[in-house]
Amino acid sequence: MKILRLIGKILLGLLALIVVVVLGFYFADPSIMRRMVAGPGMGVVDQTQKNTPQEAVPGVEREDIATGPPQTIAPEGYAAAEAYAAEMNSVALLVYHRGALRYEKYWPGYDRDFRTDPFSAHKSVMGLLYGAAIADGVIKSIDEPVSTYLPEWANDSRGAIRIRDLLTMSSGLEVPPFTTWAGMRITLGSDNTAAVLGLPLVETPGQRFQYTNAQSQLLGVILQRAAGKRYAEYLSERLWSRLGAPTAYLWLDRDGGMPRTFCCLYTTARAWLRVGRLIMDQGRVGDDQVVPAAWIQAMTTPAPTNPNYGYQIWLGSPAGTERAYNDTTIKALHSEPFAAPDMVFIDGFGGQRVYIVPSQQLIIVRTGEAKFDWDDARIPNAILRAIRDEESP
């Protein structure tokens, strides 16, 4: 009986400790617990309405995406891509080839107007926006120290980090795992700016690639401060409204607060196709040079710290069968190397993808449930290997 009473006391002590910890987290930032309980589950992309508050990024939607017959790609390519997309519980799969949308599939319950959570795909949009900001003189140079825009770090070793280091995920800042308090504050908290500004420097800037949400969040803070207006307003004026895309939405950390610039640009699959076209067309939308062509070239040039990464975008060459994000996150897997050496792609958690192959005039968009075992090679290689010669029927 004494043993049972001892065990009971231990269990009660542990329960009390858990309650104290949970209450401590709650009172430190109630929004974290609230969002963990009431927000979408891990990997869910079709419940964006649960992530509040949101801020609109006004767009000017145009019906100017050319469509064409599917014959430029053999049927077995579409079939293999669709089968894998279905297996991975997809929302949408689009294939744009040689100037026209050749294939457009939405699974039951979804259509071309449905907005999903792209997770980290927003990072690449912000990378494009930096090109516009440089052209506008809003940001003078990506070699400026971040202390130019972050006076909180003016007398701190972190202030010497360059904007370039953030763009290439090589800042040397701590990598906080999601399960830590620092990680939860960044992902779910009510003051993202304070959360990322509180991270310590643990390595020499510019020396090692470590992909983190915090670095993209800092880029968003810098851009909003430099522009002197809301991030959503500048994104709309300078880029989004010129794409021909519908209005998109950003998830804010609190009412009137900072958007999560590392994720959560809620929009449609066709809008992501337009982003892919902007990259493939060297920053142009028709006759409108939205982003300088030189920036697209720089953005898609391998970083010194990672040959598979540029400025907030991934590169498919050199070939490999896995990609490492950082020292704490699981790797992204490829069953084989990409079948095109000039592949660049926008990567959102668990298979939110925009694959761009300029040499083949090819863009593939996939949105859907986030899967830890997403195979990056399956869909693009199926399509690439099925491309027919120009003269084929």
Protein backbone atom coordinates (compact mmCIF):
# COMPACT_ATOMS: atom_id res chain seq x y z
CA MET A 1 0.00 0.00 0.00
CA LYS A 2 2.85 2.38 0.81
CA ILE A 3 4.24 1.85 -2.68
CA LEU A 4 0.86 2.58 -4.27
CA ARG A 5 0.48 5.75 -2.20
CA LEU A 6 4.01 6.80 -3.26
CA ILE A 7 3.22 6.16 -6.92
CA GLY A 8 -0.01 8.14 -6.51
CA LYS A 9 1.86 11.08 -5.02
CA ILE A 10 4.41 11.00 -7.85
CA LEU A 11 1.66 10.97 -10.48
CA LEU A 12 -0.15 13.83 -8.78
CA GLY A 13 3.13 15.75 -8.63
CA LEU A 14 3.74 15.21 -12.32
CA LEU A 15 0.17 16.26 -13.13
CA ALA A 16 0.58 19.39 -11.04
CA LEU A 17 3.85 20.16 -12.81
CA ILE A 18 2.20 19.77 -16.22
CA VAL A 19 -0.65 22.06 -15.16
CA VAL A 20 1.83 24.67 -13.95
CA VAL A 21 3.80 24.51 -17.21
CA VAL A 22 0.65 24.73 -19.37
CA LEU A 23 -0.67 27.65 -17.33
CA GLY A 24 2.74 29.31 -17.54
CA PHE A 25 2.69 29.03 -21.32
CA TYR A 26 -0.88 30.27 -21.45
CA PHE A 27 -0.29 33.38 -19.39
CA ALA A 28 3.00 34.11 -21.17
CA ASP A 29 1.15 34.23 -24.53
CA PRO A 30 -2.48 32.98 -24.55
CA SER A 31 -2.60 33.01 -28.36
CA ILE A 32 -0.17 30.09 -28.58
CA MET A 33 -2.36 27.70 -26.61
CA ARG A 34 -5.49 29.00 -28.31
CA ARG A 35 -4.05 28.44 -31.77
CA MET A 36 -2.74 25.00 -30.88
CA VAL A 37 -6.23 23.97 -29.78
CA ALA A 38 -8.45 25.80 -32.28
CA GLY A 39 -6.20 26.06 -35.34
CA PRO A 40 -5.82 23.62 -38.24
CA GLY A 41 -4.13 20.30 -37.54
CA MET A 42 -0.57 19.56 -38.64
CA GLY A 43 -0.39 19.43 -42.43
CA VAL A 44 -3.96 20.65 -43.03
CA VAL A 45 -4.04 23.20 -45.86
CA ASP A 46 -7.76 23.75 -46.44
CA GLN A 47 -8.79 25.40 -43.16
CA THR A 48 -7.10 28.77 -43.51
CA GLN A 49 -10.16 30.50 -42.05
CA LYS A 50 -9.13 29.17 -38.63
CA ASN A 51 -5.94 31.22 -38.67
CA THR A 52 -6.92 34.70 -37.56
CA PRO A 53 -6.57 37.64 -37.77
CA GLN A 54 -5.85 38.03 -41.48
CA GLU A 55 -4.96 40.95 -43.75
CA ALA A 56 -5.83 41.22 -47.43
CA VAL A 57 -3.23 41.58 -50.17
CA PRO A 58 -5.38 43.16 -52.89
CA GLY A 59 -5.03 41.64 -56.32
CA VAL A 60 -6.44 42.45 -59.75
CA GLU A 61 -7.52 39.11 -61.16
CA ARG A 62 -7.31 38.67 -64.91
CA GLU A 63 -8.62 35.89 -67.10
CA ASP A 64 -5.55 35.79 -69.31
CA ILE A 65 -4.02 32.37 -68.65
CA ALA A 66 -3.94 30.70 -72.05
CA THR A 67 -5.15 27.12 -72.19
CA GLY A 68 -4.20 24.55 -74.76
CA PRO A 69 -4.56 20.90 -75.71
CA PRO A 70 -2.59 18.41 -73.63
CA GLN A 71 -0.74 16.82 -76.55
CA THR A 72 2.65 18.43 -75.82
CA ILE A 73 2.98 15.87 -73.01
CA ALA A 74 2.21 12.18 -73.44
CA PRO A 75 -0.83 10.84 -71.51
CA GLU A 76 1.26 8.52 -69.34
CA GLY A 77 3.03 11.56 -67.87
CA TYR A 78 -0.21 13.15 -66.71
CA ALA A 79 -1.48 9.80 -65.47
CA ALA A 80 1.58 9.13 -63.32
CA ALA A 81 1.60 12.67 -61.91
CA GLU A 82 -2.11 12.55 -61.12
CA ALA A 83 -1.85 9.14 -59.48
CA TYR A 84 0.89 10.32 -57.12
CA ALA A 85 -0.93 13.59 -56.40
CA ALA A 86 -4.08 11.62 -55.55
CA GLU A 87 -2.10 9.28 -53.30
CA MET A 88 -0.80 12.34 -51.41
CA ASN A 89 -4.31 13.79 -50.88
CA SER A 90 -3.87 16.76 -53.15
CA VAL A 91 -6.12 19.77 -53.65
CA ALA A 92 -4.84 20.88 -57.07
CA LEU A 93 -2.39 19.88 -59.78
CA LEU A 94 -1.61 22.19 -62.72
CA VAL A 95 0.75 21.71 -65.66
CA TYR A 96 1.68 24.74 -67.77
CA HIS A 97 3.78 24.01 -70.85
CA ARG A 98 4.93 25.99 -73.87
CA GLY A 99 2.80 29.01 -73.13
CA ALA A 100 -0.46 27.33 -72.15
CA LEU A 101 -2.15 25.56 -69.27
CA ARG A 102 -2.32 21.96 -70.55
CA TYR A 103 -3.71 20.20 -67.49
CA GLU A 104 -5.73 21.42 -64.50
CA LYS A 105 -7.07 19.05 -61.87
CA TYR A 106 -8.95 19.78 -58.63
CA TRP A 107 -9.98 17.00 -56.32
CA PRO A 108 -13.57 16.75 -55.00
CA GLY A 109 -14.56 19.62 -52.75
CA TYR A 110 -12.13 22.09 -54.33
CA ASP A 111 -12.03 24.35 -57.39
CA ARG A 112 -9.87 27.02 -59.01
CA ASP A 113 -11.05 29.66 -56.51
CA PHE A 114 -10.12 27.68 -53.40
CA ARG A 115 -7.32 29.17 -51.28
CA THR A 116 -4.93 26.89 -49.44
CA ASP A 117 -2.10 27.31 -46.96
CA PRO A 118 1.20 27.24 -48.89
CA PHE A 119 3.33 27.22 -45.73
CA SER A 120 6.88 28.29 -46.67
CA ALA A 121 6.08 29.02 -50.32
CA HIS A 122 5.49 32.60 -49.18
CA LYS A 123 9.26 32.89 -48.66
CA SER A 124 9.87 32.84 -52.42
CA VAL A 125 7.26 35.54 -53.03
CA MET A 126 9.06 37.70 -50.50
CA GLY A 127 12.33 36.90 -52.29
CA LEU A 128 10.78 38.34 -55.45
CA LEU A 129 9.55 41.38 -53.55
CA TYR A 130 13.10 42.08 -52.39
CA GLY A 131 14.10 42.39 -56.03
CA ALA A 132 11.43 45.05 -56.48
CA ALA A 133 12.53 46.80 -53.28
CA ILE A 134 16.13 46.95 -54.51
CA ALA A 135 14.95 48.38 -57.85
CA ASP A 136 12.84 50.98 -56.02
CA GLY A 137 15.67 52.01 -53.72
CA VAL A 138 13.60 50.95 -50.72
CA ILE A 139 16.50 48.64 -49.87
CA LYS A 140 19.83 50.09 -51.00
CA SER A 141 21.79 46.84 -51.11
CA ILE A 142 21.50 43.29 -49.87
CA ASP A 143 24.97 43.76 -48.42
CA GLU A 144 23.66 46.35 -45.97
CA PRO A 145 23.89 45.29 -42.33
CA VAL A 146 20.51 44.47 -40.84
CA SER A 147 21.13 47.03 -38.09
CA THR A 148 20.27 49.67 -40.72
CA TYR A 149 16.65 48.57 -40.29
CA LEU A 150 16.83 46.83 -36.92
CA PRO A 151 18.04 49.50 -34.47
CA GLU A 152 17.41 47.00 -31.68
CA TRP A 153 20.64 45.30 -32.84
CA ALA A 154 22.66 48.48 -33.53
CA ASN A 155 25.07 47.83 -30.67
CA ASP A 156 24.95 44.06 -30.95
CA SER A 157 27.05 41.53 -32.86
CA ARG A 158 23.84 40.48 -34.64
CA GLY A 159 23.67 43.90 -36.28
CA ALA A 160 26.54 42.92 -38.60
CA ILE A 161 24.42 40.23 -40.26
CA ARG A 162 23.83 41.24 -43.87
CA ILE A 163 20.47 41.11 -45.65
CA ARG A 164 22.21 38.71 -48.04
CA ASP A 165 22.85 36.34 -45.15
CA LEU A 166 19.14 36.25 -44.32
CA LEU A 167 18.16 35.76 -47.97
CA THR A 168 20.49 32.75 -48.23
CA MET A 169 19.54 31.35 -44.79
CA SER A 170 23.10 31.82 -43.53
CA SER A 171 22.70 34.39 -40.75
CA GLY A 172 24.28 32.36 -37.95
CA LEU A 173 21.24 32.88 -35.71
CA GLU A 174 20.02 30.11 -33.43
CA VAL A 175 17.72 27.49 -34.97
CA PRO A 176 14.84 27.11 -32.50
CA PRO A 177 12.94 23.80 -32.96
CA PHE A 178 9.17 24.20 -33.19
CA THR A 179 8.65 22.30 -29.94
CA THR A 180 10.63 24.86 -27.94
CA TRP A 181 9.10 28.00 -26.45
CA ALA A 182 11.13 30.15 -28.86
CA GLY A 183 9.91 28.09 -31.81
CA MET A 184 6.28 28.27 -30.73
CA ARG A 185 6.51 32.03 -30.23
CA ILE A 186 7.71 32.47 -33.80
CA THR A 187 5.18 30.10 -35.34
CA LEU A 188 2.07 30.72 -33.25
CA GLY A 189 2.79 33.69 -30.99
CA SER A 190 1.27 37.15 -30.84
CA ASP A 191 4.51 39.12 -31.32
CA ASN A 192 6.66 37.62 -34.05
CA THR A 193 8.96 40.61 -34.19
CA ALA A 194 9.94 40.34 -30.53
CA ALA A 195 10.35 36.57 -30.91
CA VAL A 196 12.82 36.74 -33.80
CA LEU A 197 14.69 39.75 -32.43
CA GLY A 198 15.31 37.74 -29.28
CA LEU A 199 17.28 34.98 -31.02
CA PRO A 200 21.00 34.81 -30.21
CA LEU A 201 23.85 34.61 -32.69
CA VAL A 202 25.50 31.19 -32.43
CA GLU A 203 27.69 31.09 -35.57
CA THR A 204 29.60 33.50 -37.77
CA PRO A 205 27.20 35.05 -40.32
CA GLY A 206 27.57 33.97 -43.93
CA GLN A 207 29.36 30.70 -43.16
CA ARG A 208 26.73 27.95 -42.89
CA PHE A 209 23.28 27.24 -44.34
CA GLN A 210 20.57 26.73 -41.73
CA TYR A 211 17.03 27.11 -43.12
CA THR A 212 14.71 28.72 -40.55
CA ASN A 213 11.42 30.59 -40.40
CA ALA A 214 13.02 33.24 -38.20
CA GLN A 215 15.30 34.51 -40.97
CA SER A 216 12.38 35.02 -43.35
CA GLN A 217 10.41 36.72 -40.60
CA LEU A 218 13.28 39.14 -40.06
CA LEU A 219 13.30 39.86 -43.81
CA GLY A 220 9.62 40.75 -43.58
CA VAL A 221 10.20 43.08 -40.63
CA ILE A 222 13.06 44.78 -42.50
CA LEU A 223 11.00 45.20 -45.67
CA GLN A 224 7.99 46.67 -43.86
CA ARG A 225 10.18 49.15 -41.98
CA ALA A 226 12.14 50.10 -45.10
CA ALA A 227 8.99 50.62 -47.19
CA GLY A 228 7.36 52.70 -44.48
CA LYS A 229 4.03 51.01 -45.04
CA ARG A 230 2.25 47.77 -44.28
CA TYR A 231 3.95 44.71 -45.80
CA ALA A 232 0.61 43.71 -47.37
CA GLU A 233 0.25 47.13 -48.98
CA TYR A 234 3.73 47.11 -50.47
CA LEU A 235 3.37 43.50 -51.66
CA SER A 236 0.09 44.36 -53.36
CA GLU A 237 1.27 47.59 -54.99
CA ARG A 238 4.63 46.38 -56.16
CA LEU A 239 4.00 42.77 -57.11
CA TRP A 240 0.72 41.00 -56.37
CA SER A 241 -1.70 43.35 -58.14
CA ARG A 242 0.52 43.26 -61.24
CA LEU A 243 0.49 39.46 -61.52
CA GLY A 244 -3.18 39.24 -62.44
CA ALA A 245 -3.83 37.16 -59.33
CA PRO A 246 -6.88 37.35 -57.06
CA THR A 247 -6.71 38.96 -53.63
CA ALA A 248 -4.65 36.89 -51.22
CA TYR A 249 -4.56 36.92 -47.43
CA LEU A 250 -1.81 37.00 -44.80
CA TRP A 251 -1.99 35.59 -41.28
CA LEU A 252 -1.14 38.23 -38.67
CA ASP A 253 0.36 37.61 -35.26
CA ARG A 254 -2.33 39.87 -33.70
CA ASP A 255 -4.85 42.54 -34.75
CA GLY A 256 -2.93 45.21 -36.61
CA GLY A 257 0.29 43.27 -36.05
CA MET A 258 2.97 41.74 -38.24
CA PRO A 259 2.18 39.14 -40.90
CA ARG A 260 3.96 35.82 -40.85
CA THR A 261 6.29 36.42 -43.77
CA PHE A 262 7.80 32.94 -43.48
CA CYS A 263 4.48 31.33 -44.38
CA CYS A 264 0.77 31.67 -44.86
CA LEU A 265 0.09 33.62 -48.05
CA TYR A 266 -3.37 32.19 -48.65
CA THR A 267 -4.17 32.06 -52.35
CA THR A 268 -5.14 29.79 -55.24
CA ALA A 269 -3.22 27.28 -57.33
CA ARG A 270 -3.62 29.52 -60.39
CA ALA A 271 -2.06 32.39 -58.44
CA TRP A 272 0.97 30.18 -57.73
CA LEU A 273 1.13 29.44 -61.45
CA ARG A 274 1.39 33.19 -62.04
CA VAL A 275 4.24 33.41 -59.54
CA GLY A 276 6.00 30.59 -61.39
CA ARG A 277 5.53 32.38 -64.70
CA LEU A 278 7.02 35.56 -63.26
CA ILE A 279 10.18 33.62 -62.43
CA MET A 280 10.29 31.73 -65.72
CA ASP A 281 9.68 34.94 -67.71
CA GLN A 282 12.58 36.73 -66.01
CA GLY A 283 10.41 39.03 -63.93
CA ARG A 284 8.00 40.09 -66.68
CA VAL A 285 4.22 39.94 -66.84
CA GLY A 286 3.43 40.66 -70.48
CA ASP A 287 5.07 44.04 -71.17
CA ASP A 288 5.40 44.87 -67.48
CA GLN A 289 8.87 44.30 -65.97
CA VAL A 290 7.64 43.71 -62.42
CA VAL A 291 10.97 42.48 -61.04
CA PRO A 292 14.33 43.14 -62.75
CA ALA A 293 15.59 40.23 -64.83
CA ALA A 294 18.97 40.62 -63.14
CA TRP A 295 17.31 39.93 -59.79
CA ILE A 296 15.71 36.72 -61.08
CA GLN A 297 19.16 35.62 -62.21
CA ALA A 298 20.68 36.47 -58.83
CA MET A 299 17.79 34.92 -56.93
CA THR A 300 18.22 31.60 -58.74
CA THR A 301 22.03 31.50 -58.50
CA PRO A 302 23.42 28.98 -55.98
CA ALA A 303 24.39 30.49 -52.65
CA PRO A 304 27.99 29.97 -51.47
CA THR A 305 26.67 28.14 -48.42
CA ASN A 306 24.31 25.78 -50.30
CA PRO A 307 24.37 24.95 -54.03
CA ASN A 308 20.68 23.97 -53.85
CA TYR A 309 19.51 27.35 -52.56
CA GLY A 310 19.39 30.92 -53.88
CA TYR A 311 17.53 33.87 -52.39
CA GLN A 312 14.53 32.28 -50.64
CA ILE A 313 14.13 29.67 -53.38
CA TRP A 314 15.37 26.13 -53.98
CA LEU A 315 17.45 24.89 -56.92
CA GLY A 316 17.37 21.38 -58.33
CA SER A 317 21.04 21.25 -59.35
CA PRO A 318 23.45 19.80 -58.39
CA ALA A 319 21.54 16.57 -58.49
CA GLY A 320 20.84 14.63 -55.32
CA THR A 321 18.33 12.42 -53.57
CA GLU A 322 17.78 14.48 -50.41
CA ARG A 323 17.89 18.05 -49.14
CA ALA A 324 18.72 19.18 -45.63
CA TYR A 325 16.84 22.16 -44.21
CA ASN A 326 18.82 22.51 -41.00
CA ASP A 327 20.28 20.45 -38.17
CA THR A 328 16.94 19.87 -36.42
CA THR A 329 14.41 19.27 -39.23
CA ILE A 330 13.79 16.10 -41.22
CA LYS A 331 15.25 16.04 -44.72
CA ALA A 332 13.29 16.40 -47.95
CA LEU A 333 13.53 13.28 -50.07
CA HIS A 334 13.88 12.57 -53.79
CA SER A 335 13.61 9.01 -55.07
CA GLU A 336 15.97 10.15 -57.83
CA PRO A 337 17.56 13.39 -59.05
CA PHE A 338 15.44 15.82 -61.02
CA ALA A 339 15.31 15.02 -64.73
CA ALA A 340 16.12 18.64 -65.68
CA PRO A 341 19.33 20.37 -64.57
CA ASP A 342 17.78 23.86 -64.60
CA MET A 343 14.95 23.05 -62.19
CA VAL A 344 14.12 25.75 -59.64
CA PHE A 345 11.24 25.35 -57.25
CA ILE A 346 9.17 26.98 -54.57
CA ASP A 347 8.96 24.74 -51.53
CA GLY A 348 6.18 24.79 -48.94
CA PHE A 349 5.94 22.26 -46.13
CA GLY A 350 4.98 18.72 -47.13
CA GLY A 351 4.68 19.11 -50.90
CA GLN A 352 3.31 22.58 -51.60
CA ARG A 353 5.29 23.09 -54.76
CA VAL A 354 5.83 25.25 -57.82
CA TYR A 355 8.33 23.47 -60.08
CA ILE A 356 9.84 25.68 -62.81
CA VAL A 357 11.93 24.35 -65.70
CA PRO A 358 12.82 27.24 -68.03
CA SER A 359 14.50 25.04 -70.67
CA GLN A 360 11.25 23.14 -71.17
CA GLN A 361 8.92 26.15 -70.69
CA LEU A 362 7.33 24.08 -67.93
CA ILE A 363 5.64 24.97 -64.65
CA ILE A 364 3.96 22.45 -62.35
CA VAL A 365 1.88 23.50 -59.34
CA ARG A 366 0.81 21.07 -56.61
CA THR A 367 -1.12 22.01 -53.47
CA GLY A 368 -2.58 19.61 -50.92
CA GLU A 369 -2.17 17.86 -47.61
CA ALA A 370 1.32 18.24 -46.21
CA LYS A 371 3.16 14.93 -46.18
CA PHE A 372 6.41 14.23 -44.37
CA ASP A 373 7.25 11.58 -46.99
CA TRP A 374 6.65 13.80 -50.02
CA ASP A 375 8.86 12.62 -52.90
CA ASP A 376 10.04 15.67 -54.85
CA ALA A 377 11.00 13.68 -57.94
CA ARG A 378 7.77 11.83 -58.67
CA ILE A 379 5.58 14.48 -60.30
CA PRO A 380 8.12 16.66 -62.15
CA ASN A 381 10.08 13.70 -63.51
CA ALA A 382 6.91 11.97 -64.71
CA ILE A 383 6.00 15.08 -66.68
CA LEU A 384 9.51 15.84 -67.91
CA ARG A 385 9.99 12.35 -69.30
CA ALA A 386 6.67 12.53 -71.13
CA ILE A 387 7.35 15.80 -72.98
CA ARG A 388 6.96 15.35 -76.70
CA ASP A 389 9.04 16.99 -79.43
CA GLU A 390 7.64 20.19 -80.88
CA GLU A 391 6.57 18.41 -84.07
CA SER A 392 4.86 15.49 -82.33
CA PRO A 393 1.08 15.28 -82.76
